[in-house]
Structure formats: C-alpha cells, structure tokens
Amino acid sequence: MVDLRGRDFLTLLDFTPEEINHLLKVALDLKKKKRNGRKHEYLKGKQVALIFEKDSTRTRCAFEAGANDLGMHATYLGPTGSQLGKKETIEDTARVLDKMYDGIEYRGFDQDTVEALAKYSKVPVWNGLTNEYHPTQMLADVMTVLEEFGSLKGKKLVFCGDARNNVGNSLMIVCSKLGMNFACCAPKELWPNEVLVDRCKEICKETGATIEMTEDIMEGTKGADALYTDVWVSMGEPMELWEERIKLLKPYQINMDVMKNAKKTAIFLHCLPSFHNNETTIGKDIEEKFGLKEMEVTDEVFESSQSRVFEEAENRLHTIKAVMLETLK
C-alpha cells in the first residue's frame, strides 16, 4: 500500500515507480470526479501557502483551483508578497508558515531554496518549479501520454531543445522511473548534466527504460510516440541569450516534417507558454529582431490534431490535486 502522508514533493528522484503510478491513478480518479460534478472536498478546513518567486498561469491556477476543489483555502504570496530571502531567512519563513498552514508550495529559482523550506518546515513542501526540476509538470505530461495510449511502459518520448533545463531534466527522470524510452535531440552543449544522466541510466536498469542522446533530430524522433519541446530561453534568463539560443536550437524546431518522422499516432506536448506565433509581446519582439514568426514549434503543429497541449495543461490541475491530497490526507 502506498502511503505518502507527510511527504515532501521536491523531485521525482525521491519517488518510486509504484508511488508515481499511484499519484497518476489518484489524479485520474479526481479528474473523473471533477468531470462528473462530484464534490471531493477531502481536505476541508486545511490551508496552504503558495510562494511564487516566478510568475505562472498554469501552476498558480492549478494549485488555487485544486485547493478549492479539495475544500482548502490557498494564500498566494507573489514575487513581492513575502520577505523570503530578503528580510527573513528561508529557515525562518518555513518555521513561520508551518505554524499557520498545512502545506507549502514553492515556485522559484534555486532547488536549494525548496530543499531548505522542506528541511525546516514540519508540513509537506511541494516544488512548483525550480531551475533544476519541475516535478508537478511531469505528472501532467505522463498522465496525458497514459490517457492517449493506455500505458506508459515502452513508449518513446523525445525532447527537442535545451535539454539541460528543468523540463529536460525532469522528463528524463520520469521516463526512467516509469520504463519509458527517453530521447534528447539537442546540440551537445545543451544535453543534460552527465551526473544526472548516469543516475537515470542506473534507474533504467531496474525499469527497462532507455536513454538516447543525439544531435540529429530526424534520427532521434524516428518512431516516437510523443514529441515534446519547451521555450528556448527559460523564465529568469536574460533576453540577451535569445540570439545565441536561436542559432543553436533553430534546427531542433518541431515542425510537420519532424512530426511526420515520428509514429503516425504520435502526439505533441509542450509545458506552455509557447512561442508558436508572433501574437505575444515577446513574439513580436523576436520577429522584429530575428525575423522569426515561430520558434520552438510551428503553429501548424501546435494547432494540429496531434497536439495535446491543452489536455496536458488541464492535467496540471488533477495531478497537483493528487499530490496535495496524498501528502495531506
């Protein structure tokens, strides 16, 4: 029997395949209840604090709506909403919040920060995103693959882009844990950290998963069940990096030629937001400076029948609810 009560949720490296599959099962059940209009206020009366040093649409909405669905109240602390790390140490903040709240979410920069919150807090701490890991996103991603194909083991997921970032790292981890075959299509300088790769390869020995690294996008995406990409410059990185990243990553854009190279049944995934057109402030700026109307994915792929990005976004709600429920019940 899986029991996650009181556990922190900081990286999927800390969780067994059985525990991850359990969270997916709970998320699927919660989604069914939500779709059928069945109340599930299993945590009524509890309160959670949401610390956001980085702004977000999906993560904030999923935690706030999810807390409400479970009968809880959520307090949002935005980038200027607390004294964390400014006038008050992380340790002190953790010890203040755990006296008032039943759980704490953190979305920000350093993994060390969320680790410190967990160390000094007596209530569960959940990682909403750090520079190194994005575990709540991963649950939504693999839940989307599971809903599409009915199983995960042996499925091939390919990440195209800057595979050193939190999404690239975490996809490799979750695939390794669940017996999925992971491929990274990127220039060598943007491959995941070797230490993490070696750790994931050890996990693969137990689960039957494989890890592939290639600079050839057509080689890497051949036979894929899911193609995944992310923005080329992550939140918090300077705009000056755009020119360099565009030069490096333009050959790794997911377009229809790349999609057709995967299986006919392949789906497209993206954690969002996406620069699939020039209809945003940054999109217009990039077009003006570099002449690009689309970046990591073409609008044709993003809007295609193979795209599951909005189902994936919805699944952030159900998987985050599963994490909160299982650690707080």
C-alpha atoms as a PDB file:
ATOM      1  CA  MET A   1       0.000   0.000   0.000  1.00  0.00           C
ATOM      2  CA  VAL A   2       1.321   3.439  -0.968  1.00  0.00           C
ATOM      3  CA  ASP A   3       1.287   5.993   1.856  1.00  0.00           C
ATOM      4  CA  LEU A   4       2.609   9.473   1.029  1.00  0.00           C
ATOM      5  CA  ARG A   5       1.223  11.311   4.065  1.00  0.00           C
ATOM      6  CA  GLY A   6       3.616  13.994   5.308  1.00  0.00           C
ATOM      7  CA  ARG A   7       5.988  13.582   2.345  1.00  0.00           C
ATOM      8  CA  ASP A   8       7.616  16.496   0.529  1.00  0.00           C
ATOM      9  CA  PHE A   9       7.357  16.618  -3.274  1.00  0.00           C
ATOM     10  CA  LEU A  10      10.649  18.133  -4.425  1.00  0.00           C
ATOM     11  CA  THR A  11      11.886  15.917  -7.276  1.00  0.00           C
ATOM     12  CA  LEU A  12      10.678  12.629  -8.748  1.00  0.00           C
ATOM     13  CA  LEU A  13      14.094  11.160  -7.948  1.00  0.00           C
ATOM     14  CA  ASP A  14      12.690  10.783  -4.414  1.00  0.00           C
ATOM     15  CA  PHE A  15       9.730   8.648  -5.545  1.00  0.00           C
ATOM     16  CA  THR A  16       9.479   5.017  -6.602  1.00  0.00           C
ATOM     17  CA  PRO A  17       7.717   3.919  -9.804  1.00  0.00           C
ATOM     18  CA  GLU A  18       4.946   2.484  -7.623  1.00  0.00           C
ATOM     19  CA  GLU A  19       4.468   5.837  -5.861  1.00  0.00           C
ATOM     20  CA  ILE A  20       4.420   7.804  -9.129  1.00  0.00           C
ATOM     21  CA  ASN A  21       1.896   5.405 -10.667  1.00  0.00           C
ATOM     22  CA  HIS A  22      -0.215   5.723  -7.528  1.00  0.00           C
ATOM     23  CA  LEU A  23      -0.316   9.520  -7.921  1.00  0.00           C
ATOM     24  CA  LEU A  24      -1.371   9.093 -11.557  1.00  0.00           C
ATOM     25  CA  LYS A  25      -4.153   6.718 -10.525  1.00  0.00           C
ATOM     26  CA  VAL A  26      -5.401   9.208  -7.932  1.00  0.00           C
ATOM     27  CA  ALA A  27      -5.219  12.053 -10.475  1.00  0.00           C
ATOM     28  CA  LEU A  28      -7.280  10.085 -12.996  1.00  0.00           C
ATOM     29  CA  ASP A  29      -9.907   9.414 -10.325  1.00  0.00           C
ATOM     30  CA  LEU A  30     -10.010  13.083  -9.304  1.00  0.00           C
ATOM     31  CA  LYS A  31     -10.374  14.110 -12.949  1.00  0.00           C
ATOM     32  CA  LYS A  32     -13.332  11.764 -13.337  1.00  0.00           C
ATOM     33  CA  LYS A  33     -14.980  13.212 -10.236  1.00  0.00           C
ATOM     34  CA  LYS A  34     -14.388  16.777 -11.461  1.00  0.00           C
ATOM     35  CA  ARG A  35     -15.813  15.986 -14.913  1.00  0.00           C
ATOM     36  CA  ASN A  36     -18.892  14.340 -13.347  1.00  0.00           C
ATOM     37  CA  GLY A  37     -19.512  17.247 -10.989  1.00  0.00           C
ATOM     38  CA  ARG A  38     -18.922  15.140  -7.869  1.00  0.00           C
ATOM     39  CA  LYS A  39     -17.659  17.070  -4.868  1.00  0.00           C
ATOM     40  CA  HIS A  40     -14.377  15.853  -3.403  1.00  0.00           C
ATOM     41  CA  GLU A  41     -13.642  18.195  -0.505  1.00  0.00           C
ATOM     42  CA  TYR A  42     -11.459  15.612   1.225  1.00  0.00           C
ATOM     43  CA  LEU A  43      -9.210  18.245   2.843  1.00  0.00           C
ATOM     44  CA  LYS A  44     -11.901  20.622   4.047  1.00  0.00           C
ATOM     45  CA  GLY A  45     -10.634  23.157   6.580  1.00  0.00           C
ATOM     46  CA  LYS A  46      -6.961  22.865   5.667  1.00  0.00           C
ATOM     47  CA  GLN A  47      -4.905  25.808   4.413  1.00  0.00           C
ATOM     48  CA  VAL A  48      -1.947  26.014   2.031  1.00  0.00           C
ATOM     49  CA  ALA A  49       0.591  28.751   1.284  1.00  0.00           C
ATOM     50  CA  LEU A  50       1.701  29.281  -2.318  1.00  0.00           C
ATOM     51  CA  ILE A  51       5.070  31.031  -2.676  1.00  0.00           C
ATOM     52  CA  PHE A  52       5.747  32.298  -6.205  1.00  0.00           C
ATOM     53  CA  GLU A  53       9.099  33.961  -6.874  1.00  0.00           C
ATOM     54  CA  LYS A  54       8.386  33.265 -10.568  1.00  0.00           C
ATOM     55  CA  ASP A  55       5.002  34.165 -12.044  1.00  0.00           C
ATOM     56  CA  SER A  56       2.871  31.428 -13.565  1.00  0.00           C
ATOM     57  CA  THR A  57      -0.514  30.804 -15.157  1.00  0.00           C
ATOM     58  CA  ARG A  58      -0.955  27.013 -15.034  1.00  0.00           C
ATOM     59  CA  THR A  59       0.878  26.313 -11.767  1.00  0.00           C
ATOM     60  CA  ARG A  60      -0.867  29.049  -9.806  1.00  0.00           C
ATOM     61  CA  CYS A  61      -4.319  28.266 -11.208  1.00  0.00           C
ATOM     62  CA  ALA A  62      -3.867  24.521 -10.666  1.00  0.00           C
ATOM     63  CA  PHE A  63      -2.842  24.955  -7.026  1.00  0.00           C
ATOM     64  CA  GLU A  64      -5.537  27.535  -6.251  1.00  0.00           C
ATOM     65  CA  ALA A  65      -8.384  25.765  -8.084  1.00  0.00           C
ATOM     66  CA  GLY A  66      -7.160  22.400  -6.826  1.00  0.00           C
ATOM     67  CA  ALA A  67      -7.058  23.581  -3.219  1.00  0.00           C
ATOM     68  CA  ASN A  68     -10.603  24.918  -3.593  1.00  0.00           C
ATOM     69  CA  ASP A  69     -11.852  21.644  -5.111  1.00  0.00           C
ATOM     70  CA  LEU A  70     -10.371  19.766  -2.143  1.00  0.00           C
ATOM     71  CA  GLY A  71     -12.087  22.126   0.302  1.00  0.00           C
ATOM     72  CA  MET A  72      -8.964  24.076   1.261  1.00  0.00           C
ATOM     73  CA  HIS A  73      -8.093  27.767   1.331  1.00  0.00           C
ATOM     74  CA  ALA A  74      -4.956  28.940  -0.505  1.00  0.00           C
ATOM     75  CA  THR A  75      -2.901  32.050   0.254  1.00  0.00           C
ATOM     76  CA  TYR A  76      -0.930  33.353  -2.739  1.00  0.00           C
ATOM     77  CA  LEU A  77       2.406  35.026  -1.981  1.00  0.00           C
ATOM     78  CA  GLY A  78       3.744  36.554  -5.205  1.00  0.00           C
ATOM     79  CA  PRO A  79       7.239  37.849  -6.001  1.00  0.00           C
ATOM     80  CA  THR A  80       6.672  40.858  -3.700  1.00  0.00           C
ATOM     81  CA  GLY A  81       4.266  39.128  -1.342  1.00  0.00           C
ATOM     82  CA  SER A  82       6.672  37.868   1.310  1.00  0.00           C
ATOM     83  CA  GLN A  83      10.013  38.639   2.921  1.00  0.00           C
ATOM     84  CA  LEU A  84      11.502  35.282   1.834  1.00  0.00           C
ATOM     85  CA  GLY A  85      15.253  35.700   1.395  1.00  0.00           C
ATOM     86  CA  LYS A  86      15.043  39.494   1.731  1.00  0.00           C
ATOM     87  CA  LYS A  87      14.287  40.497   5.317  1.00  0.00           C
ATOM     88  CA  GLU A  88      13.667  36.952   6.504  1.00  0.00           C
ATOM     89  CA  THR A  89      15.704  33.787   6.008  1.00  0.00           C
ATOM     90  CA  ILE A  90      14.260  30.769   4.251  1.00  0.00           C
ATOM     91  CA  GLU A  91      14.572  28.850   7.517  1.00  0.00           C
ATOM     92  CA  ASP A  92      12.571  31.443   9.443  1.00  0.00           C
ATOM     93  CA  THR A  93       9.922  31.670   6.724  1.00  0.00           C
ATOM     94  CA  ALA A  94       9.460  27.896   6.805  1.00  0.00           C
ATOM     95  CA  ARG A  95       9.065  27.891  10.577  1.00  0.00           C
ATOM     96  CA  VAL A  96       6.523  30.728  10.449  1.00  0.00           C
ATOM     97  CA  LEU A  97       4.419  29.232   7.670  1.00  0.00           C
ATOM     98  CA  ASP A  98       4.260  25.721   9.106  1.00  0.00           C
ATOM     99  CA  LYS A  99       2.547  27.168  12.185  1.00  0.00           C
ATOM    100  CA  MET A 100      -0.217  28.663  10.028  1.00  0.00           C
ATOM    101  CA  TYR A 101      -0.539  26.289   7.071  1.00  0.00           C
ATOM    102  CA  ASP A 102      -0.868  22.578   6.378  1.00  0.00           C
ATOM    103  CA  GLY A 103       1.258  22.647   3.227  1.00  0.00           C
ATOM    104  CA  ILE A 104       3.630  24.963   1.361  1.00  0.00           C
ATOM    105  CA  GLU A 105       4.197  25.284  -2.393  1.00  0.00           C
ATOM    106  CA  TYR A 106       7.294  26.988  -3.783  1.00  0.00           C
ATOM    107  CA  ARG A 107       7.929  28.120  -7.355  1.00  0.00           C
ATOM    108  CA  GLY A 108      11.167  29.966  -7.935  1.00  0.00           C
ATOM    109  CA  PHE A 109      14.825  29.688  -8.789  1.00  0.00           C
ATOM    110  CA  ASP A 110      17.211  27.513  -6.770  1.00  0.00           C
ATOM    111  CA  GLN A 111      16.438  23.923  -5.836  1.00  0.00           C
ATOM    112  CA  ASP A 112      18.342  24.666  -2.618  1.00  0.00           C
ATOM    113  CA  THR A 113      15.541  27.059  -1.616  1.00  0.00           C
ATOM    114  CA  VAL A 114      12.737  24.497  -1.838  1.00  0.00           C
ATOM    115  CA  GLU A 115      15.009  21.933  -0.162  1.00  0.00           C
ATOM    116  CA  ALA A 116      15.615  24.363   2.714  1.00  0.00           C
ATOM    117  CA  LEU A 117      11.894  25.065   3.064  1.00  0.00           C
ATOM    118  CA  ALA A 118      11.309  21.327   3.336  1.00  0.00           C
ATOM    119  CA  LYS A 119      14.137  20.870   5.830  1.00  0.00           C
ATOM    120  CA  TYR A 120      12.877  23.497   8.254  1.00  0.00           C
ATOM    121  CA  SER A 121       9.138  23.031   7.759  1.00  0.00           C
ATOM    122  CA  LYS A 122       7.099  20.416   9.615  1.00  0.00           C
ATOM    123  CA  VAL A 123       4.435  20.325   6.879  1.00  0.00           C
ATOM    124  CA  PRO A 124       4.724  18.985   3.300  1.00  0.00           C
ATOM    125  CA  VAL A 125       6.510  21.229   0.802  1.00  0.00           C
ATOM    126  CA  TRP A 126       5.782  20.954  -2.940  1.00  0.00           C
ATOM    127  CA  ASN A 127       8.058  22.054  -5.762  1.00  0.00           C
ATOM    128  CA  GLY A 128       6.063  24.097  -8.290  1.00  0.00           C
ATOM    129  CA  LEU A 129       9.237  24.669 -10.351  1.00  0.00           C
ATOM    130  CA  THR A 130      12.918  25.389  -9.770  1.00  0.00           C
ATOM    131  CA  ASN A 131      15.804  25.868 -12.176  1.00  0.00           C
ATOM    132  CA  GLU A 132      16.658  22.168 -11.798  1.00  0.00           C
ATOM    133  CA  TYR A 133      13.334  20.317 -11.591  1.00  0.00           C
ATOM    134  CA  HIS A 134       9.645  20.615 -12.486  1.00  0.00           C
ATOM    135  CA  PRO A 135       8.015  17.503 -10.949  1.00  0.00           C
ATOM    136  CA  THR A 136       4.366  18.606 -10.983  1.00  0.00           C
ATOM    137  CA  GLN A 137       4.602  19.258 -14.725  1.00  0.00           C
ATOM    138  CA  MET A 138       5.950  15.756 -15.277  1.00  0.00           C
ATOM    139  CA  LEU A 139       2.942  14.104 -13.677  1.00  0.00           C
ATOM    140  CA  ALA A 140       0.653  16.028 -16.027  1.00  0.00           C
ATOM    141  CA  ASP A 141       2.820  15.088 -19.015  1.00  0.00           C
ATOM    142  CA  VAL A 142       2.859  11.358 -18.394  1.00  0.00           C
ATOM    143  CA  MET A 143      -0.823  11.393 -17.420  1.00  0.00           C
ATOM    144  CA  THR A 144      -1.547  12.845 -20.874  1.00  0.00           C
ATOM    145  CA  VAL A 145       0.514  10.092 -22.540  1.00  0.00           C
ATOM    146  CA  LEU A 146      -1.252   7.472 -20.410  1.00  0.00           C
ATOM    147  CA  GLU A 147      -4.693   8.762 -21.386  1.00  0.00           C
ATOM    148  CA  GLU A 148      -3.704   8.772 -25.063  1.00  0.00           C
ATOM    149  CA  PHE A 149      -2.162   5.300 -25.287  1.00  0.00           C
ATOM    150  CA  GLY A 150      -3.471   3.415 -22.253  1.00  0.00           C
ATOM    151  CA  SER A 151       0.011   2.542 -20.994  1.00  0.00           C
ATOM    152  CA  LEU A 152       3.434   4.097 -20.443  1.00  0.00           C
ATOM    153  CA  LYS A 153       5.999   1.313 -20.382  1.00  0.00           C
ATOM    154  CA  GLY A 154       7.957   1.114 -23.636  1.00  0.00           C
ATOM    155  CA  LYS A 155       6.551   4.349 -25.052  1.00  0.00           C
ATOM    156  CA  LYS A 156       9.149   6.680 -26.616  1.00  0.00           C
ATOM    157  CA  LEU A 157       9.143  10.330 -25.579  1.00  0.00           C
ATOM    158  CA  VAL A 158      11.503  12.743 -27.351  1.00  0.00           C
ATOM    159  CA  PHE A 159      12.519  16.155 -26.035  1.00  0.00           C
ATOM    160  CA  CYS A 160      13.799  18.661 -28.593  1.00  0.00           C
ATOM    161  CA  GLY A 161      15.560  21.803 -27.380  1.00  0.00           C
ATOM    162  CA  ASP A 162      17.539  22.898 -24.333  1.00  0.00           C
ATOM    163  CA  ALA A 163      17.621  19.575 -22.502  1.00  0.00           C
ATOM    164  CA  ARG A 164      19.638  20.968 -19.574  1.00  0.00           C
ATOM    165  CA  ASN A 165      16.655  22.862 -18.229  1.00  0.00           C
ATOM    166  CA  ASN A 166      14.193  21.785 -15.540  1.00  0.00           C
ATOM    167  CA  VAL A 167      11.805  20.227 -18.067  1.00  0.00           C
ATOM    168  CA  GLY A 168      14.510  18.281 -19.910  1.00  0.00           C
ATOM    169  CA  ASN A 169      15.963  17.011 -16.626  1.00  0.00           C
ATOM    170  CA  SER A 170      12.616  16.020 -15.203  1.00  0.00           C
ATOM    171  CA  LEU A 171      11.371  14.301 -18.356  1.00  0.00           C
ATOM    172  CA  MET A 172      14.466  12.105 -18.351  1.00  0.00           C
ATOM    173  CA  ILE A 173      13.832  11.241 -14.703  1.00  0.00           C
ATOM    174  CA  VAL A 174      10.130  10.399 -15.056  1.00  0.00           C
ATOM    175  CA  CYS A 175      10.721   8.325 -18.200  1.00  0.00           C
ATOM    176  CA  SER A 176      13.475   6.398 -16.425  1.00  0.00           C
ATOM    177  CA  LYS A 177      11.239   5.763 -13.430  1.00  0.00           C
ATOM    178  CA  LEU A 178       8.243   4.574 -15.474  1.00  0.00           C
ATOM    179  CA  GLY A 179      10.010   2.427 -18.061  1.00  0.00           C
ATOM    180  CA  MET A 180       9.568   4.899 -20.918  1.00  0.00           C
ATOM    181  CA  ASN A 181      12.246   5.388 -23.574  1.00  0.00           C
ATOM    182  CA  PHE A 182      13.640   8.925 -23.476  1.00  0.00           C
ATOM    183  CA  ALA A 183      15.476  10.635 -26.327  1.00  0.00           C
ATOM    184  CA  CYS A 184      17.130  14.040 -26.222  1.00  0.00           C
ATOM    185  CA  CYS A 185      17.559  15.914 -29.514  1.00  0.00           C
ATOM    186  CA  ALA A 186      19.852  18.884 -28.946  1.00  0.00           C
ATOM    187  CA  PRO A 187      23.367  20.197 -29.599  1.00  0.00           C
ATOM    188  CA  LYS A 188      25.831  18.508 -27.242  1.00  0.00           C
ATOM    189  CA  GLU A 189      26.374  21.637 -25.171  1.00  0.00           C
ATOM    190  CA  LEU A 190      22.676  21.575 -24.262  1.00  0.00           C
ATOM    191  CA  TRP A 191      22.482  17.918 -23.225  1.00  0.00           C
ATOM    192  CA  PRO A 192      21.540  17.127 -19.598  1.00  0.00           C
ATOM    193  CA  ASN A 193      24.169  17.035 -16.879  1.00  0.00           C
ATOM    194  CA  GLU A 194      26.266  13.845 -17.107  1.00  0.00           C
ATOM    195  CA  VAL A 195      25.852  13.080 -13.411  1.00  0.00           C
ATOM    196  CA  LEU A 196      22.063  13.128 -13.756  1.00  0.00           C
ATOM    197  CA  VAL A 197      22.228  11.096 -16.976  1.00  0.00           C
ATOM    198  CA  ASP A 198      24.293   8.414 -15.220  1.00  0.00           C
ATOM    199  CA  ARG A 199      21.866   8.356 -12.303  1.00  0.00           C
ATOM    200  CA  CYS A 200      18.919   7.918 -14.664  1.00  0.00           C
ATOM    201  CA  LYS A 201      20.713   5.148 -16.541  1.00  0.00           C
ATOM    202  CA  GLU A 202      21.053   3.272 -13.257  1.00  0.00           C
ATOM    203  CA  ILE A 203      17.296   3.630 -12.725  1.00  0.00           C
ATOM    204  CA  CYS A 204      16.739   2.346 -16.285  1.00  0.00           C
ATOM    205  CA  LYS A 205      18.455  -0.922 -15.371  1.00  0.00           C
ATOM    206  CA  GLU A 206      15.581  -1.600 -12.972  1.00  0.00           C
ATOM    207  CA  THR A 207      12.698  -0.381 -15.147  1.00  0.00           C
ATOM    208  CA  GLY A 208      13.769  -1.371 -18.676  1.00  0.00           C
ATOM    209  CA  ALA A 209      13.764   2.220 -19.942  1.00  0.00           C
ATOM    210  CA  THR A 210      16.387   3.576 -22.348  1.00  0.00           C
ATOM    211  CA  ILE A 211      18.098   6.964 -22.722  1.00  0.00           C
ATOM    212  CA  GLU A 212      19.315   8.256 -26.084  1.00  0.00           C
ATOM    213  CA  MET A 213      21.252  11.456 -26.785  1.00  0.00           C
ATOM    214  CA  THR A 214      21.602  12.720 -30.344  1.00  0.00           C
ATOM    215  CA  GLU A 215      22.310  15.891 -32.287  1.00  0.00           C
ATOM    216  CA  ASP A 216      20.286  14.539 -35.232  1.00  0.00           C
ATOM    217  CA  ILE A 217      16.615  15.468 -34.809  1.00  0.00           C
ATOM    218  CA  MET A 218      15.410  13.090 -37.533  1.00  0.00           C
ATOM    219  CA  GLU A 219      17.326  10.196 -36.011  1.00  0.00           C
ATOM    220  CA  GLY A 220      16.073  10.962 -32.501  1.00  0.00           C
ATOM    221  CA  THR A 221      12.405  11.457 -33.367  1.00  0.00           C
ATOM    222  CA  LYS A 222      12.049   8.351 -35.518  1.00  0.00           C
ATOM    223  CA  GLY A 223       9.410   6.035 -34.080  1.00  0.00           C
ATOM    224  CA  ALA A 224       8.464   8.437 -31.295  1.00  0.00           C
ATOM    225  CA  ASP A 225       5.113   8.231 -29.502  1.00  0.00           C
ATOM    226  CA  ALA A 226       5.353  11.769 -28.110  1.00  0.00           C
ATOM    227  CA  LEU A 227       7.374  14.806 -29.173  1.00  0.00           C
ATOM    228  CA  TYR A 228       7.990  17.471 -26.549  1.00  0.00           C
ATOM    229  CA  THR A 229       9.586  20.888 -26.614  1.00  0.00           C
ATOM    230  CA  ASP A 230       9.915  23.993 -24.449  1.00  0.00           C
ATOM    231  CA  VAL A 231      10.800  27.656 -24.970  1.00  0.00           C
ATOM    232  CA  TRP A 232      14.401  28.251 -25.938  1.00  0.00           C
ATOM    233  CA  VAL A 233      15.085  30.781 -23.175  1.00  0.00           C
ATOM    234  CA  SER A 234      13.698  29.898 -19.758  1.00  0.00           C
ATOM    235  CA  MET A 235      11.989  32.239 -17.322  1.00  0.00           C
ATOM    236  CA  GLY A 236      14.542  34.281 -15.401  1.00  0.00           C
ATOM    237  CA  GLU A 237      17.247  34.029 -18.065  1.00  0.00           C
ATOM    238  CA  PRO A 238      18.375  37.307 -19.713  1.00  0.00           C
ATOM    239  CA  MET A 239      16.930  38.327 -23.082  1.00  0.00           C
ATOM    240  CA  GLU A 240      20.488  38.612 -24.393  1.00  0.00           C
ATOM    241  CA  LEU A 241      20.509  34.807 -24.689  1.00  0.00           C
ATOM    242  CA  TRP A 242      17.907  34.766 -27.478  1.00  0.00           C
ATOM    243  CA  GLU A 243      20.345  35.271 -30.353  1.00  0.00           C
ATOM    244  CA  GLU A 244      22.669  32.529 -29.117  1.00  0.00           C
ATOM    245  CA  ARG A 245      19.843  30.053 -28.427  1.00  0.00           C
ATOM    246  CA  ILE A 246      18.144  30.700 -31.764  1.00  0.00           C
ATOM    247  CA  LYS A 247      21.363  29.856 -33.596  1.00  0.00           C
ATOM    248  CA  LEU A 248      21.785  26.677 -31.564  1.00  0.00           C
ATOM    249  CA  LEU A 249      18.190  25.483 -31.492  1.00  0.00           C
ATOM    250  CA  LYS A 250      16.568  26.558 -34.756  1.00  0.00           C
ATOM    251  CA  PRO A 251      17.471  23.134 -36.291  1.00  0.00           C
ATOM    252  CA  TYR A 252      15.526  21.488 -33.423  1.00  0.00           C
ATOM    253  CA  GLN A 253      12.207  23.233 -34.040  1.00  0.00           C
ATOM    254  CA  ILE A 254       9.286  20.791 -34.119  1.00  0.00           C
ATOM    255  CA  ASN A 255       7.581  21.245 -37.485  1.00  0.00           C
ATOM    256  CA  MET A 256       5.397  18.962 -39.598  1.00  0.00           C
ATOM    257  CA  ASP A 257       8.401  17.258 -41.180  1.00  0.00           C
ATOM    258  CA  VAL A 258       9.589  16.293 -37.697  1.00  0.00           C
ATOM    259  CA  MET A 259       6.089  15.186 -36.613  1.00  0.00           C
ATOM    260  CA  LYS A 260       5.758  13.017 -39.705  1.00  0.00           C
ATOM    261  CA  ASN A 261       9.076  11.372 -38.828  1.00  0.00           C
ATOM    262  CA  ALA A 262       7.522  10.089 -35.591  1.00  0.00           C
ATOM    263  CA  LYS A 263       4.783   7.440 -35.473  1.00  0.00           C
ATOM    264  CA  LYS A 264       1.518   8.253 -37.233  1.00  0.00           C
ATOM    265  CA  THR A 265      -0.153   8.121 -33.819  1.00  0.00           C
ATOM    266  CA  ALA A 266       2.399  10.435 -32.171  1.00  0.00           C
ATOM    267  CA  ILE A 267       1.231  13.369 -30.062  1.00  0.00           C
ATOM    268  CA  PHE A 268       2.789  16.769 -29.464  1.00  0.00           C
ATOM    269  CA  LEU A 269       3.355  18.082 -25.928  1.00  0.00           C
ATOM    270  CA  HIS A 270       4.533  21.422 -24.522  1.00  0.00           C
ATOM    271  CA  CYS A 271       4.560  22.685 -20.922  1.00  0.00           C
ATOM    272  CA  LEU A 272       3.498  26.195 -22.098  1.00  0.00           C
ATOM    273  CA  PRO A 273       3.638  29.079 -22.657  1.00  0.00           C
ATOM    274  CA  SER A 274       4.709  28.564 -26.266  1.00  0.00           C
ATOM    275  CA  PHE A 275       6.056  30.863 -28.962  1.00  0.00           C
ATOM    276  CA  HIS A 276       4.191  29.184 -31.817  1.00  0.00           C
ATOM    277  CA  ASN A 277       3.256  32.514 -33.417  1.00  0.00           C
ATOM    278  CA  ASN A 278       4.063  36.228 -33.143  1.00  0.00           C
ATOM    279  CA  GLU A 279       0.918  37.232 -31.253  1.00  0.00           C
ATOM    280  CA  THR A 280       2.601  37.989 -27.920  1.00  0.00           C
ATOM    281  CA  THR A 281       4.771  40.889 -26.814  1.00  0.00           C
ATOM    282  CA  ILE A 282       7.899  38.723 -26.768  1.00  0.00           C
ATOM    283  CA  GLY A 283       6.870  37.000 -30.012  1.00  0.00           C
ATOM    284  CA  LYS A 284       6.613  40.344 -31.801  1.00  0.00           C
ATOM    285  CA  ASP A 285       9.949  41.429 -30.356  1.00  0.00           C
ATOM    286  CA  ILE A 286      11.646  38.235 -31.555  1.00  0.00           C
ATOM    287  CA  GLU A 287      10.174  38.621 -35.053  1.00  0.00           C
ATOM    288  CA  GLU A 288      11.385  42.218 -35.210  1.00  0.00           C
ATOM    289  CA  LYS A 289      14.913  41.347 -34.066  1.00  0.00           C
ATOM    290  CA  PHE A 290      15.455  37.942 -35.673  1.00  0.00           C
ATOM    291  CA  GLY A 291      12.792  37.557 -38.354  1.00  0.00           C
ATOM    292  CA  LEU A 292      11.198  34.501 -36.726  1.00  0.00           C
ATOM    293  CA  LYS A 293       7.389  34.200 -36.601  1.00  0.00           C
ATOM    294  CA  GLU A 294       7.564  30.791 -34.856  1.00  0.00           C
ATOM    295  CA  MET A 295      10.197  29.389 -32.568  1.00  0.00           C
ATOM    296  CA  GLU A 296      10.354  26.033 -30.766  1.00  0.00           C
ATOM    297  CA  VAL A 297       7.241  24.720 -32.561  1.00  0.00           C
ATOM    298  CA  THR A 298       5.364  25.806 -35.662  1.00  0.00           C
ATOM    299  CA  ASP A 299       1.797  26.985 -35.396  1.00  0.00           C
ATOM    300  CA  GLU A 300       0.814  24.184 -37.776  1.00  0.00           C
ATOM    301  CA  VAL A 301       1.957  21.545 -35.280  1.00  0.00           C
ATOM    302  CA  PHE A 302       0.710  23.426 -32.215  1.00  0.00           C
ATOM    303  CA  GLU A 303      -2.804  23.696 -33.640  1.00  0.00           C
ATOM    304  CA  SER A 304      -2.822  20.246 -35.258  1.00  0.00           C
ATOM    305  CA  SER A 305      -4.962  17.240 -34.377  1.00  0.00           C
ATOM    306  CA  GLN A 306      -1.839  15.654 -32.878  1.00  0.00           C
ATOM    307  CA  SER A 307      -1.391  18.416 -30.313  1.00  0.00           C
ATOM    308  CA  ARG A 308      -2.408  17.615 -26.739  1.00  0.00           C
ATOM    309  CA  VAL A 309      -1.067  20.774 -25.092  1.00  0.00           C
ATOM    310  CA  PHE A 310      -4.375  21.916 -23.615  1.00  0.00           C
ATOM    311  CA  GLU A 311      -5.299  18.465 -22.300  1.00  0.00           C
ATOM    312  CA  GLU A 312      -1.821  18.441 -20.780  1.00  0.00           C
ATOM    313  CA  ALA A 313      -2.438  21.865 -19.226  1.00  0.00           C
ATOM    314  CA  GLU A 314      -5.737  20.672 -17.732  1.00  0.00           C
ATOM    315  CA  ASN A 315      -3.958  17.691 -16.232  1.00  0.00           C
ATOM    316  CA  ARG A 316      -1.816  20.055 -14.167  1.00  0.00           C
ATOM    317  CA  LEU A 317      -4.961  20.588 -12.052  1.00  0.00           C
ATOM    318  CA  HIS A 318      -5.680  16.929 -11.461  1.00  0.00           C
ATOM    319  CA  THR A 319      -2.090  15.837 -10.790  1.00  0.00           C
ATOM    320  CA  ILE A 320      -1.410  18.727  -8.415  1.00  0.00           C
ATOM    321  CA  LYS A 321      -4.610  17.851  -6.556  1.00  0.00           C
ATOM    322  CA  ALA A 322      -3.370  14.280  -6.298  1.00  0.00           C
ATOM    323  CA  VAL A 323      -0.070  15.448  -4.784  1.00  0.00           C
ATOM    324  CA  MET A 324      -1.781  17.696  -2.245  1.00  0.00           C
ATOM    325  CA  LEU A 325      -4.377  15.073  -1.325  1.00  0.00           C
ATOM    326  CA  GLU A 326      -1.954  12.201  -0.889  1.00  0.00           C
ATOM    327  CA  THR A 327       0.549  14.186   1.171  1.00  0.00           C
ATOM    328  CA  LEU A 328      -2.031  15.954   3.372  1.00  0.00           C
ATOM    329  CA  LYS A 329      -4.805  13.414   3.980  1.00  0.00           C
END
